[in-house]
Every structure is written in structure tokens, then in C-alpha cells.
Amino acid sequence: MTSTGFSLARRFAAGETVHTAWCGLPSPIVAELIGREGFPAVSLDGQHGLWDTASMLAGIAAVRMAGAAPIVRVPVGDFAFASRALDFGAEGIIAPMINTAADARAFVAATKYPPLGERSWGPNRAMMLAGISDQKSYLASANKTVVTFAMIETRTALKNIDAIMSTPGIDAAFLGPSDLSIALSDGEVLDPHSKEVDKNTIKIAKAALKAKKIAGAYCASPERAHELERRGYRFFAISSDMAFLRAGAAAVVKKIKV
């Protein structure tokens, strides 16, 4: 099934909770397969994952072909690539280490067209994948159909959460629990479920809801996603392609050894 339009923004506008798989392996066919299994969105990790420009270009199209919404996490501060990923057809951009309102404005500048931002024109591939032939139509709707996720993962970001969330053009907060656990423990603890992280999940959700934005988070398990959904979160990245592969391989090996 070929996906047209922009399903991610449409789901959020309808009040839906959205789950995405997380892909770090630079394999478009793996991302497509995961999308075909029923995830409404698939996130391609360009920060810590192994994607390069060529594989990202193919991966975005593969996710679209699976009927899912492609989301791209860009490297820290690489807003030029955020703009390029949107031109490739990404429906959402996750930007790490958004710590201040200035960071948020720089993110918006690269991902939204005027008057919100300064995104440069050239979405030819994006229009093809979305089934849009009229440039004026794409321009008129792009700021609403592209979803921007500001990652909250430091003490500074927590301090500035209200200013970040109230920045015009920022659509969602996205909790990075591992980095936040490291930041809150001054580098001593890596625990995405630590008490300090858990306490601040509520603060992030409240700030997002106050600004009428989406609260999202990376979750290692469906159980954690259900827990955060009860706190007001509506977007969840659950597990990863490597975790899926490991779990599947381990299950087969276990049966072989019986």
C-alpha cells in the first residue's frame, strides 16, 4: 500500500496516540518491514544510528511504501539535515538537545516555512511521495503537516521547558530518558527509569499540555508506554530494530537448545 498525504500530523490532529518503531540499522527494507507489521510511524535515527544520506533517502521512501509515516532524528544541531530530510519526504523531525528557546527557534527556522521559519524551498521528493502535484498546495499546508519534536534530555532543557514548548513552530516535546538520567546524575547513572527521570516525566507532560503541544518519549517497552500514556503522553518510540532482531534470534536459539 502506498501512503499519500501526511498521516502523522493527521493522527495527532484527530487526538490519536501514535507509536513509532526506532531504526538505527541503515537498512530501508528493515524499516519497511517494521512499518508493514503495523507501526503507524517508523523513526530513522540519524544521530546515533548508522544511516547516511543515501540510505536515509531510500529509507524514508520505504517507510512511506509500507503505509507508515517516516520520522527522522537528526544529529545534534544539524538543522540543515533536518530541512533536507523533510525534502526527502520525512513527516516528522526529532531534534536532540533542544535546551533553550534559542535552540527551539533555530530548529523551527530550518523546518517551517515563513512566517514561522525560514525553511528553503525544494520539496520535490516529498511532494512525490505524498502524492501532491501542486506546489502551492504543499506550501500552504506544510507548516501544519510537518511535525517538530524537541528532545528534552538535560537539566537546562527542563529549566527552559515552558519557553521551549511555547515557541511557535515546536509541535511536541520528546523525552530522551537515557541522556536525562545521565544529566540528572552528573554522569554517574544510566537509568531511563530512575526516580529523577520519572519525576520529570510529569513536568514535561504538564508543559506540553499547557502549550497545547504533544508530549512524547522513547520507551524500552510497551509497558512503559502505557504508564506514560496515563500521564498525558501521546507519542511513543518503542524498542528498536536491533532489539527486535535480538529478541527474535534469541527465541529461536532457545528453542533449538531445548
C-alpha atoms as a PDB file:
ATOM      1  CA  MET A   1       0.000   0.000   0.000  1.00  0.00           C
ATOM      2  CA  THR A   2       1.350   3.406  -0.937  1.00  0.00           C
ATOM      3  CA  SER A   3       0.883   6.120   1.650  1.00  0.00           C
ATOM      4  CA  THR A   4      -0.213   9.538   0.447  1.00  0.00           C
ATOM      5  CA  GLY A   5      -0.621  12.763   2.314  1.00  0.00           C
ATOM      6  CA  PHE A   6       0.757  13.243   5.803  1.00  0.00           C
ATOM      7  CA  SER A   7      -0.666  10.682   8.214  1.00  0.00           C
ATOM      8  CA  LEU A   8       1.381  11.652  11.301  1.00  0.00           C
ATOM      9  CA  ALA A   9       0.016  15.196  11.648  1.00  0.00           C
ATOM     10  CA  ARG A  10      -3.436  13.935  10.755  1.00  0.00           C
ATOM     11  CA  ARG A  11      -3.344  11.362  13.563  1.00  0.00           C
ATOM     12  CA  PHE A  12      -2.251  13.946  16.113  1.00  0.00           C
ATOM     13  CA  ALA A  13      -4.926  16.392  14.961  1.00  0.00           C
ATOM     14  CA  ALA A  14      -7.509  13.645  15.451  1.00  0.00           C
ATOM     15  CA  GLY A  15      -6.352  13.162  19.046  1.00  0.00           C
ATOM     16  CA  GLU A  16      -4.767   9.769  18.451  1.00  0.00           C
ATOM     17  CA  THR A  17      -1.901   8.229  20.381  1.00  0.00           C
ATOM     18  CA  VAL A  18       0.904   7.338  17.962  1.00  0.00           C
ATOM     19  CA  HIS A  19       3.539   4.611  18.332  1.00  0.00           C
ATOM     20  CA  THR A  20       6.719   4.504  16.300  1.00  0.00           C
ATOM     21  CA  ALA A  21       9.421   1.890  15.973  1.00  0.00           C
ATOM     22  CA  TRP A  22      13.051   3.036  16.209  1.00  0.00           C
ATOM     23  CA  CYS A  23      15.537   2.090  13.495  1.00  0.00           C
ATOM     24  CA  GLY A  24      19.288   2.535  13.791  1.00  0.00           C
ATOM     25  CA  LEU A  25      20.349  -0.035  11.197  1.00  0.00           C
ATOM     26  CA  PRO A  26      20.820   1.602   7.777  1.00  0.00           C
ATOM     27  CA  SER A  27      18.501  -0.829   6.022  1.00  0.00           C
ATOM     28  CA  PRO A  28      15.480   0.579   4.167  1.00  0.00           C
ATOM     29  CA  ILE A  29      13.967  -2.891   3.811  1.00  0.00           C
ATOM     30  CA  VAL A  30      14.093  -3.473   7.579  1.00  0.00           C
ATOM     31  CA  ALA A  31      12.383  -0.113   8.182  1.00  0.00           C
ATOM     32  CA  GLU A  32       9.774  -1.004   5.564  1.00  0.00           C
ATOM     33  CA  LEU A  33       9.183  -4.431   7.110  1.00  0.00           C
ATOM     34  CA  ILE A  34       8.609  -2.899  10.530  1.00  0.00           C
ATOM     35  CA  GLY A  35       6.142  -0.436   9.040  1.00  0.00           C
ATOM     36  CA  ARG A  36       4.287  -3.242   7.304  1.00  0.00           C
ATOM     37  CA  GLU A  37       3.901  -5.050  10.620  1.00  0.00           C
ATOM     38  CA  GLY A  38       1.563  -2.292  11.785  1.00  0.00           C
ATOM     39  CA  PHE A  39       3.535   0.573  13.278  1.00  0.00           C
ATOM     40  CA  PRO A  40       1.868   3.804  12.081  1.00  0.00           C
ATOM     41  CA  ALA A  41       5.267   5.528  12.112  1.00  0.00           C
ATOM     42  CA  VAL A  42       8.896   4.452  11.798  1.00  0.00           C
ATOM     43  CA  SER A  43      11.733   6.621  13.102  1.00  0.00           C
ATOM     44  CA  LEU A  44      15.122   6.554  11.397  1.00  0.00           C
ATOM     45  CA  ASP A  45      17.898   7.510  13.802  1.00  0.00           C
ATOM     46  CA  GLY A  46      20.425   9.793  12.113  1.00  0.00           C
ATOM     47  CA  GLN A  47      22.044  10.759  15.415  1.00  0.00           C
ATOM     48  CA  HIS A  48      23.284   7.505  16.922  1.00  0.00           C
ATOM     49  CA  GLY A  49      22.101   5.202  14.145  1.00  0.00           C
ATOM     50  CA  LEU A  50      24.120   4.147  11.095  1.00  0.00           C
ATOM     51  CA  TRP A  51      22.109   5.958   8.410  1.00  0.00           C
ATOM     52  CA  ASP A  52      23.927   8.020   5.807  1.00  0.00           C
ATOM     53  CA  THR A  53      22.309  10.374   3.297  1.00  0.00           C
ATOM     54  CA  ALA A  54      21.754   7.736   0.617  1.00  0.00           C
ATOM     55  CA  SER A  55      20.245   5.147   2.943  1.00  0.00           C
ATOM     56  CA  MET A  56      18.096   7.816   4.613  1.00  0.00           C
ATOM     57  CA  LEU A  57      16.721   8.896   1.243  1.00  0.00           C
ATOM     58  CA  ALA A  58      15.798   5.292   0.430  1.00  0.00           C
ATOM     59  CA  GLY A  59      14.592   4.564   3.958  1.00  0.00           C
ATOM     60  CA  ILE A  60      12.089   7.409   4.000  1.00  0.00           C
ATOM     61  CA  ALA A  61      10.587   6.171   0.740  1.00  0.00           C
ATOM     62  CA  ALA A  62      10.495   2.580   2.011  1.00  0.00           C
ATOM     63  CA  VAL A  63       8.603   3.592   5.143  1.00  0.00           C
ATOM     64  CA  ARG A  64       6.138   5.528   3.004  1.00  0.00           C
ATOM     65  CA  MET A  65       5.705   2.489   0.769  1.00  0.00           C
ATOM     66  CA  ALA A  66       4.820   0.456   3.866  1.00  0.00           C
ATOM     67  CA  GLY A  67       1.984   2.867   4.626  1.00  0.00           C
ATOM     68  CA  ALA A  68       3.695   4.366   7.676  1.00  0.00           C
ATOM     69  CA  ALA A  69       4.885   7.886   8.467  1.00  0.00           C
ATOM     70  CA  PRO A  70       8.679   8.354   8.274  1.00  0.00           C
ATOM     71  CA  ILE A  71      10.269  10.316  11.112  1.00  0.00           C
ATOM     72  CA  VAL A  72      13.947  11.274  11.204  1.00  0.00           C
ATOM     73  CA  ARG A  73      16.099  12.049  14.234  1.00  0.00           C
ATOM     74  CA  VAL A  74      18.885  14.346  13.103  1.00  0.00           C
ATOM     75  CA  PRO A  75      22.345  14.744  14.652  1.00  0.00           C
ATOM     76  CA  VAL A  76      22.764  17.371  17.380  1.00  0.00           C
ATOM     77  CA  GLY A  77      22.393  20.848  15.910  1.00  0.00           C
ATOM     78  CA  ASP A  78      22.230  19.594  12.323  1.00  0.00           C
ATOM     79  CA  PHE A  79      19.237  21.640  11.293  1.00  0.00           C
ATOM     80  CA  ALA A  80      20.457  21.749   7.702  1.00  0.00           C
ATOM     81  CA  PHE A  81      19.923  17.996   7.533  1.00  0.00           C
ATOM     82  CA  ALA A  82      16.523  18.420   9.182  1.00  0.00           C
ATOM     83  CA  SER A  83      15.471  20.570   6.253  1.00  0.00           C
ATOM     84  CA  ARG A  84      16.923  18.073   3.800  1.00  0.00           C
ATOM     85  CA  ALA A  85      15.147  15.137   5.443  1.00  0.00           C
ATOM     86  CA  LEU A  86      11.862  16.989   5.026  1.00  0.00           C
ATOM     87  CA  ASP A  87      12.653  17.482   1.347  1.00  0.00           C
ATOM     88  CA  PHE A  88      13.278  13.716   1.173  1.00  0.00           C
ATOM     89  CA  GLY A  89       9.748  13.132   2.492  1.00  0.00           C
ATOM     90  CA  ALA A  90      10.044  12.837   6.274  1.00  0.00           C
ATOM     91  CA  GLU A  91       6.831  13.729   8.084  1.00  0.00           C
ATOM     92  CA  GLY A  92       8.450  14.478  11.408  1.00  0.00           C
ATOM     93  CA  ILE A  93      11.835  15.617  12.698  1.00  0.00           C
ATOM     94  CA  ILE A  94      13.201  14.764  16.138  1.00  0.00           C
ATOM     95  CA  ALA A  95      15.946  17.194  17.163  1.00  0.00           C
ATOM     96  CA  PRO A  96      18.188  16.202  20.098  1.00  0.00           C
ATOM     97  CA  MET A  97      19.482  18.516  22.811  1.00  0.00           C
ATOM     98  CA  ILE A  98      16.980  21.341  22.436  1.00  0.00           C
ATOM     99  CA  ASN A  99      17.987  23.124  25.625  1.00  0.00           C
ATOM    100  CA  THR A 100      16.790  26.700  25.196  1.00  0.00           C
ATOM    101  CA  ALA A 101      14.211  28.801  23.409  1.00  0.00           C
ATOM    102  CA  ALA A 102      17.024  29.880  21.060  1.00  0.00           C
ATOM    103  CA  ASP A 103      17.664  26.226  20.164  1.00  0.00           C
ATOM    104  CA  ALA A 104      13.958  25.769  19.546  1.00  0.00           C
ATOM    105  CA  ARG A 105      13.814  28.823  17.281  1.00  0.00           C
ATOM    106  CA  ALA A 106      16.805  27.577  15.270  1.00  0.00           C
ATOM    107  CA  PHE A 107      15.080  24.209  14.875  1.00  0.00           C
ATOM    108  CA  VAL A 108      11.878  25.872  13.682  1.00  0.00           C
ATOM    109  CA  ALA A 109      13.798  28.122  11.295  1.00  0.00           C
ATOM    110  CA  ALA A 110      15.026  25.090   9.352  1.00  0.00           C
ATOM    111  CA  THR A 111      11.798  23.082   9.384  1.00  0.00           C
ATOM    112  CA  LYS A 112       8.958  25.558   8.920  1.00  0.00           C
ATOM    113  CA  TYR A 113       8.301  27.975   6.080  1.00  0.00           C
ATOM    114  CA  PRO A 114       7.667  31.685   6.707  1.00  0.00           C
ATOM    115  CA  PRO A 115       6.168  33.215   8.733  1.00  0.00           C
ATOM    116  CA  LEU A 116       7.121  30.601  11.348  1.00  0.00           C
ATOM    117  CA  GLY A 117      10.574  29.755   9.998  1.00  0.00           C
ATOM    118  CA  GLU A 118      12.994  30.097   7.129  1.00  0.00           C
ATOM    119  CA  ARG A 119      12.881  26.669   5.504  1.00  0.00           C
ATOM    120  CA  SER A 120      14.269  26.820   1.981  1.00  0.00           C
ATOM    121  CA  TRP A 121      12.092  25.660  -0.908  1.00  0.00           C
ATOM    122  CA  GLY A 122      12.755  22.364  -2.690  1.00  0.00           C
ATOM    123  CA  PRO A 123      10.404  19.567  -1.501  1.00  0.00           C
ATOM    124  CA  ASN A 124      10.243  17.772  -4.843  1.00  0.00           C
ATOM    125  CA  ARG A 125      10.720  14.241  -3.474  1.00  0.00           C
ATOM    126  CA  ALA A 126       8.439  14.940  -0.521  1.00  0.00           C
ATOM    127  CA  MET A 127       5.656  16.033  -2.859  1.00  0.00           C
ATOM    128  CA  MET A 128       6.082  12.924  -4.993  1.00  0.00           C
ATOM    129  CA  LEU A 129       5.832  10.594  -2.007  1.00  0.00           C
ATOM    130  CA  ALA A 130       2.835  12.466  -0.620  1.00  0.00           C
ATOM    131  CA  GLY A 131       1.006  12.400  -3.922  1.00  0.00           C
ATOM    132  CA  ILE A 132       0.924  16.196  -4.162  1.00  0.00           C
ATOM    133  CA  SER A 133       1.479  17.818  -7.547  1.00  0.00           C
ATOM    134  CA  ASP A 134       0.519  21.395  -6.746  1.00  0.00           C
ATOM    135  CA  GLN A 135       3.410  23.324  -5.187  1.00  0.00           C
ATOM    136  CA  LYS A 136       1.104  25.999  -3.795  1.00  0.00           C
ATOM    137  CA  SER A 137      -0.938  23.327  -2.050  1.00  0.00           C
ATOM    138  CA  TYR A 138       2.152  21.830  -0.412  1.00  0.00           C
ATOM    139  CA  LEU A 139       3.398  25.239   0.710  1.00  0.00           C
ATOM    140  CA  ALA A 140       0.030  26.183   2.170  1.00  0.00           C
ATOM    141  CA  SER A 141      -0.157  23.044   4.322  1.00  0.00           C
ATOM    142  CA  ALA A 142       3.490  22.206   5.084  1.00  0.00           C
ATOM    143  CA  ASN A 143       3.780  24.036   8.404  1.00  0.00           C
ATOM    144  CA  LYS A 144       0.833  22.053   9.750  1.00  0.00           C
ATOM    145  CA  THR A 145       1.768  18.685   8.276  1.00  0.00           C
ATOM    146  CA  VAL A 146       5.436  18.648   9.318  1.00  0.00           C
ATOM    147  CA  VAL A 147       5.763  17.675  12.997  1.00  0.00           C
ATOM    148  CA  THR A 148       8.694  19.023  15.025  1.00  0.00           C
ATOM    149  CA  PHE A 149       9.800  17.135  18.156  1.00  0.00           C
ATOM    150  CA  ALA A 150      12.139  18.944  20.555  1.00  0.00           C
ATOM    151  CA  MET A 151      14.125  16.459  22.622  1.00  0.00           C
ATOM    152  CA  ILE A 152      14.224  17.232  26.337  1.00  0.00           C
ATOM    153  CA  GLU A 153      17.213  15.489  27.895  1.00  0.00           C
ATOM    154  CA  THR A 154      19.220  17.900  30.075  1.00  0.00           C
ATOM    155  CA  ARG A 155      18.880  19.997  33.228  1.00  0.00           C
ATOM    156  CA  THR A 156      18.926  23.123  31.077  1.00  0.00           C
ATOM    157  CA  ALA A 157      16.100  21.849  28.912  1.00  0.00           C
ATOM    158  CA  LEU A 158      13.993  21.100  31.989  1.00  0.00           C
ATOM    159  CA  LYS A 159      14.660  24.590  33.304  1.00  0.00           C
ATOM    160  CA  ASN A 160      13.529  26.078  29.982  1.00  0.00           C
ATOM    161  CA  ILE A 161      10.748  23.608  29.191  1.00  0.00           C
ATOM    162  CA  ASP A 162       7.949  26.185  29.210  1.00  0.00           C
ATOM    163  CA  ALA A 163       9.855  28.544  26.900  1.00  0.00           C
ATOM    164  CA  ILE A 164      10.717  25.685  24.539  1.00  0.00           C
ATOM    165  CA  MET A 165       7.159  24.412  24.396  1.00  0.00           C
ATOM    166  CA  SER A 166       5.711  27.882  23.856  1.00  0.00           C
ATOM    167  CA  THR A 167       7.993  28.519  20.859  1.00  0.00           C
ATOM    168  CA  PRO A 168       5.808  28.898  17.742  1.00  0.00           C
ATOM    169  CA  GLY A 169       6.542  26.036  15.348  1.00  0.00           C
ATOM    170  CA  ILE A 170       7.525  23.499  18.004  1.00  0.00           C
ATOM    171  CA  ASP A 171       4.856  20.813  17.920  1.00  0.00           C
ATOM    172  CA  ALA A 172       5.984  18.338  20.561  1.00  0.00           C
ATOM    173  CA  ALA A 173       8.331  17.533  23.419  1.00  0.00           C
ATOM    174  CA  PHE A 174      10.214  14.256  23.192  1.00  0.00           C
ATOM    175  CA  LEU A 175      11.768  12.847  26.342  1.00  0.00           C
ATOM    176  CA  GLY A 176      15.220  11.304  25.941  1.00  0.00           C
ATOM    177  CA  PRO A 177      15.273   9.283  29.187  1.00  0.00           C
ATOM    178  CA  SER A 178      18.782   7.829  28.974  1.00  0.00           C
ATOM    179  CA  ASP A 179      20.543  11.146  28.420  1.00  0.00           C
ATOM    180  CA  LEU A 180      18.323  12.802  31.009  1.00  0.00           C
ATOM    181  CA  SER A 181      19.292  10.174  33.572  1.00  0.00           C
ATOM    182  CA  ILE A 182      22.961  10.841  32.858  1.00  0.00           C
ATOM    183  CA  ALA A 183      22.465  14.604  33.098  1.00  0.00           C
ATOM    184  CA  LEU A 184      20.469  14.489  36.329  1.00  0.00           C
ATOM    185  CA  SER A 185      23.045  12.224  37.995  1.00  0.00           C
ATOM    186  CA  ASP A 186      26.022  14.284  36.803  1.00  0.00           C
ATOM    187  CA  GLY A 187      27.236  11.396  34.695  1.00  0.00           C
ATOM    188  CA  GLU A 188      27.030   8.708  37.347  1.00  0.00           C
ATOM    189  CA  VAL A 189      23.856   6.843  36.380  1.00  0.00           C
ATOM    190  CA  LEU A 190      22.424   5.456  33.160  1.00  0.00           C
ATOM    191  CA  ASP A 191      18.870   4.527  34.079  1.00  0.00           C
ATOM    192  CA  PRO A 192      15.978   5.700  31.891  1.00  0.00           C
ATOM    193  CA  HIS A 193      13.572   4.698  34.679  1.00  0.00           C
ATOM    194  CA  SER A 194      15.372   6.401  37.556  1.00  0.00           C
ATOM    195  CA  LYS A 195      13.334   8.268  40.175  1.00  0.00           C
ATOM    196  CA  GLU A 196      14.646  11.602  38.940  1.00  0.00           C
ATOM    197  CA  VAL A 197      13.706  10.870  35.347  1.00  0.00           C
ATOM    198  CA  ASP A 198      10.334   9.517  36.392  1.00  0.00           C
ATOM    199  CA  LYS A 199       9.555  12.640  38.407  1.00  0.00           C
ATOM    200  CA  ASN A 200      10.349  14.883  35.467  1.00  0.00           C
ATOM    201  CA  THR A 201       8.131  12.974  33.062  1.00  0.00           C
ATOM    202  CA  ILE A 202       5.227  14.736  34.757  1.00  0.00           C
ATOM    203  CA  LYS A 203       6.868  18.150  34.396  1.00  0.00           C
ATOM    204  CA  ILE A 204       7.414  17.605  30.671  1.00  0.00           C
ATOM    205  CA  ALA A 205       3.858  16.424  30.117  1.00  0.00           C
ATOM    206  CA  LYS A 206       2.405  19.396  32.002  1.00  0.00           C
ATOM    207  CA  ALA A 207       4.474  21.879  29.997  1.00  0.00           C
ATOM    208  CA  ALA A 208       3.439  20.305  26.710  1.00  0.00           C
ATOM    209  CA  LEU A 209      -0.223  20.195  27.629  1.00  0.00           C
ATOM    210  CA  LYS A 210      -0.120  23.794  28.884  1.00  0.00           C
ATOM    211  CA  ALA A 211       1.224  24.908  25.496  1.00  0.00           C
ATOM    212  CA  LYS A 212      -1.285  22.645  23.705  1.00  0.00           C
ATOM    213  CA  LYS A 213       1.561  20.564  22.292  1.00  0.00           C
ATOM    214  CA  ILE A 214       2.240  16.805  22.178  1.00  0.00           C
ATOM    215  CA  ALA A 215       4.256  15.001  24.847  1.00  0.00           C
ATOM    216  CA  GLY A 216       6.337  12.078  23.590  1.00  0.00           C
ATOM    217  CA  ALA A 217       9.054   9.761  24.874  1.00  0.00           C
ATOM    218  CA  TYR A 218      11.372   6.928  23.986  1.00  0.00           C
ATOM    219  CA  CYS A 219      10.240   3.773  25.794  1.00  0.00           C
ATOM    220  CA  ALA A 220      12.082   0.489  26.049  1.00  0.00           C
ATOM    221  CA  SER A 221       8.841  -1.450  26.401  1.00  0.00           C
ATOM    222  CA  PRO A 222       5.095  -1.248  25.722  1.00  0.00           C
ATOM    223  CA  GLU A 223       4.522  -1.329  29.477  1.00  0.00           C
ATOM    224  CA  ARG A 224       6.473   1.918  29.913  1.00  0.00           C
ATOM    225  CA  ALA A 225       4.493   3.481  27.071  1.00  0.00           C
ATOM    226  CA  HIS A 226       1.211   2.570  28.767  1.00  0.00           C
ATOM    227  CA  GLU A 227       2.484   4.089  32.004  1.00  0.00           C
ATOM    228  CA  LEU A 228       3.417   7.392  30.360  1.00  0.00           C
ATOM    229  CA  GLU A 229       0.188   7.487  28.379  1.00  0.00           C
ATOM    230  CA  ARG A 230      -1.650   7.649  31.691  1.00  0.00           C
ATOM    231  CA  ARG A 231       0.417  10.764  32.447  1.00  0.00           C
ATOM    232  CA  GLY A 232      -0.691  12.535  29.289  1.00  0.00           C
ATOM    233  CA  TYR A 233       1.859  11.382  26.717  1.00  0.00           C
ATOM    234  CA  ARG A 234       0.599  10.677  23.177  1.00  0.00           C
ATOM    235  CA  PHE A 235       3.706   9.737  21.178  1.00  0.00           C
ATOM    236  CA  PHE A 236       5.961   6.787  21.908  1.00  0.00           C
ATOM    237  CA  ALA A 237       9.061   5.329  20.309  1.00  0.00           C
ATOM    238  CA  ILE A 238       9.089   1.707  21.421  1.00  0.00           C
ATOM    239  CA  SER A 239      12.122  -0.552  21.301  1.00  0.00           C
ATOM    240  CA  SER A 240      14.318  -0.735  18.180  1.00  0.00           C
ATOM    241  CA  ASP A 241      15.169  -2.770  15.111  1.00  0.00           C
ATOM    242  CA  MET A 242      18.217  -4.244  16.849  1.00  0.00           C
ATOM    243  CA  ALA A 243      16.116  -5.220  19.867  1.00  0.00           C
ATOM    244  CA  PHE A 244      13.530  -6.858  17.611  1.00  0.00           C
ATOM    245  CA  LEU A 245      16.243  -8.841  15.816  1.00  0.00           C
ATOM    246  CA  ARG A 246      17.945  -9.884  19.031  1.00  0.00           C
ATOM    247  CA  ALA A 247      14.677 -10.988  20.622  1.00  0.00           C
ATOM    248  CA  GLY A 248      13.687 -12.996  17.566  1.00  0.00           C
ATOM    249  CA  ALA A 249      17.096 -14.639  17.247  1.00  0.00           C
ATOM    250  CA  ALA A 250      17.251 -15.399  20.970  1.00  0.00           C
ATOM    251  CA  ALA A 251      13.803 -17.016  20.897  1.00  0.00           C
ATOM    252  CA  VAL A 252      14.805 -19.322  18.042  1.00  0.00           C
ATOM    253  CA  VAL A 253      18.129 -20.250  19.651  1.00  0.00           C
ATOM    254  CA  LYS A 254      16.319 -21.041  22.902  1.00  0.00           C
ATOM    255  CA  LYS A 255      14.015 -23.446  21.109  1.00  0.00           C
ATOM    256  CA  ILE A 256      16.910 -25.069  19.271  1.00  0.00           C
ATOM    257  CA  LYS A 257      18.675 -25.802  22.555  1.00  0.00           C
ATOM    258  CA  VAL A 258      15.669 -27.425  24.184  1.00  0.00           C
END
